[in-house]
Amino acid sequence: QVQLVESGGGLVQAGGPLRLSCAASGRTFSNYAMGWFRQAPGKEREFVAAISGASNTYYSDSTKGRFTISRDNNKNTVYLQMDSLKPEDTAVYYCAARTVPASFRHSDYAYWGQGTQVTVSS
């Protein structure tokens, strides 16, 4: 069982940065692939980025080059550094975990955080 708690969301102007954090419980954090997803009002949940236990990283086309996912296994934490934010990045951002290789499909993830709101003003 893994519990995930996101933090770092907020209101930011377009072009600005924001860093999200996701703290995980449990002693085997390094065995989990971690993903970030987001969901805007009226839209489906979409893949943002993922990182394997070995720190291989994966990004959606819309976030590649602007967002950076990383993890600190000593702190049981995964981060999402978001730069050059756009109004269309506005959404609730969710952290997710799974015990097998990283995936871009939200249905593959067994554990989810409660979400954190990111709002980008134009």
Protein backbone atom coordinates (compact mmCIF):
# COMPACT_ATOMS: atom_id res chain seq x y z
CA GLN A 1 0.00 0.00 0.00
CA VAL A 2 1.30 3.43 -0.96
CA GLN A 3 -0.10 6.78 0.11
CA LEU A 4 0.68 9.82 -2.01
CA VAL A 5 0.40 13.47 -1.03
CA GLU A 6 0.92 16.22 -3.61
CA SER A 7 1.90 19.80 -2.83
CA GLY A 8 3.13 22.90 -4.59
CA GLY A 9 0.14 23.85 -6.70
CA GLY A 10 -1.07 27.41 -6.98
CA LEU A 11 -1.65 30.40 -9.21
CA VAL A 12 1.13 31.48 -11.57
CA GLN A 13 1.39 33.84 -14.52
CA ALA A 14 1.93 32.50 -18.00
CA GLY A 15 5.61 31.94 -18.69
CA GLY A 16 6.39 31.37 -15.03
CA PRO A 17 7.62 28.27 -13.20
CA LEU A 18 6.08 26.04 -10.57
CA ARG A 19 7.33 22.90 -8.87
CA LEU A 20 5.06 20.15 -7.65
CA SER A 21 6.09 17.58 -5.09
CA CYS A 22 4.60 14.19 -4.28
CA ALA A 23 5.57 12.51 -1.03
CA ALA A 24 5.05 8.75 -0.84
CA SER A 25 4.73 6.49 2.17
CA GLY A 26 6.33 3.07 2.37
CA ARG A 27 9.84 1.65 2.43
CA THR A 28 10.15 0.44 -1.18
CA PHE A 29 9.67 3.73 -3.02
CA SER A 30 12.48 2.95 -5.44
CA ASN A 31 10.52 -0.08 -6.70
CA TYR A 32 7.68 2.12 -7.91
CA ALA A 33 7.30 3.88 -11.21
CA MET A 34 5.78 7.30 -10.64
CA GLY A 35 3.60 9.33 -12.93
CA TRP A 36 2.05 12.77 -13.11
CA PHE A 37 -1.34 13.23 -14.73
CA ARG A 38 -3.64 16.21 -15.01
CA GLN A 39 -7.31 16.81 -15.51
CA ALA A 40 -8.93 20.06 -16.62
CA PRO A 41 -12.65 20.73 -16.14
CA GLY A 42 -14.70 18.82 -18.68
CA LYS A 43 -11.69 16.93 -20.01
CA GLU A 44 -10.30 13.46 -19.53
CA ARG A 45 -7.32 12.80 -17.31
CA GLU A 46 -4.17 13.02 -19.40
CA PHE A 47 -0.60 11.85 -19.06
CA VAL A 48 2.01 14.48 -18.20
CA ALA A 49 5.21 12.66 -17.29
CA ALA A 50 6.51 9.47 -15.74
CA ILE A 51 9.72 8.20 -14.20
CA SER A 52 10.83 4.62 -13.66
CA GLY A 53 12.52 3.28 -10.56
CA ALA A 54 15.81 3.63 -12.44
CA SER A 55 14.94 7.28 -13.22
CA ASN A 56 14.21 6.83 -16.92
CA THR A 57 11.84 9.65 -17.85
CA TYR A 58 8.91 9.97 -20.23
CA TYR A 59 6.88 13.00 -21.28
CA SER A 60 3.80 13.86 -23.24
CA ASP A 61 4.30 15.83 -26.42
CA SER A 62 2.69 18.88 -24.82
CA THR A 63 5.07 18.97 -21.86
CA LYS A 64 8.33 17.74 -23.36
CA GLY A 65 10.97 20.44 -23.13
CA ARG A 66 9.02 22.49 -20.55
CA PHE A 67 8.45 20.04 -17.70
CA THR A 68 11.01 17.93 -15.85
CA ILE A 69 10.16 14.94 -13.68
CA SER A 70 12.65 13.73 -11.10
CA ARG A 71 12.73 11.63 -7.96
CA ASP A 72 14.64 11.45 -4.71
CA ASN A 73 14.44 7.91 -3.42
CA ASN A 74 16.02 8.92 -0.10
CA LYS A 75 13.13 11.30 0.51
CA ASN A 76 10.41 9.11 -1.06
CA THR A 77 9.49 12.08 -3.21
CA VAL A 78 8.87 12.73 -6.89
CA TYR A 79 8.94 16.22 -8.36
CA LEU A 80 7.51 17.92 -11.40
CA GLN A 81 9.33 21.10 -12.36
CA MET A 82 7.11 23.07 -14.71
CA ASP A 83 8.62 25.92 -16.71
CA SER A 84 7.22 28.21 -19.39
CA LEU A 85 3.73 27.53 -18.15
CA LYS A 86 0.78 28.21 -20.43
CA PRO A 87 -2.89 28.85 -19.61
CA GLU A 88 -3.70 25.48 -21.16
CA ASP A 89 -1.61 23.82 -18.43
CA THR A 90 -4.34 24.79 -15.94
CA ALA A 91 -5.66 21.62 -14.33
CA VAL A 92 -5.68 19.50 -11.22
CA TYR A 93 -2.40 17.60 -11.19
CA TYR A 94 -2.28 14.10 -9.77
CA CYS A 95 0.63 11.95 -8.68
CA ALA A 96 0.35 8.20 -9.23
CA ALA A 97 2.39 5.08 -8.50
CA ARG A 98 2.64 1.56 -9.84
CA THR A 99 4.92 -1.36 -9.06
CA VAL A 100 5.89 -2.29 -12.63
CA PRO A 101 7.48 -0.20 -15.43
CA ALA A 102 6.37 3.36 -16.06
CA SER A 103 3.27 3.82 -18.18
CA PHE A 104 1.44 6.68 -19.86
CA ARG A 105 -1.94 5.06 -19.20
CA HIS A 106 -3.68 6.31 -16.08
CA SER A 107 -5.53 2.98 -15.79
CA ASP A 108 -2.20 1.24 -15.19
CA TYR A 109 -1.61 3.08 -11.92
CA ALA A 110 -2.92 1.60 -8.67
CA TYR A 111 -2.18 4.44 -6.27
CA TRP A 112 -3.20 8.07 -6.54
CA GLY A 113 -2.83 11.27 -4.60
CA GLN A 114 -5.65 13.70 -3.92
CA GLY A 115 -4.50 16.19 -6.55
CA THR A 116 -3.26 19.76 -6.45
CA GLN A 117 -4.68 22.66 -8.44
CA VAL A 118 -2.45 24.52 -10.89
CA THR A 119 -3.86 27.69 -12.42
CA VAL A 120 -1.96 29.62 -15.07
CA SER A 121 -3.21 33.13 -15.76
CA SER A 122 -2.71 34.82 -19.12
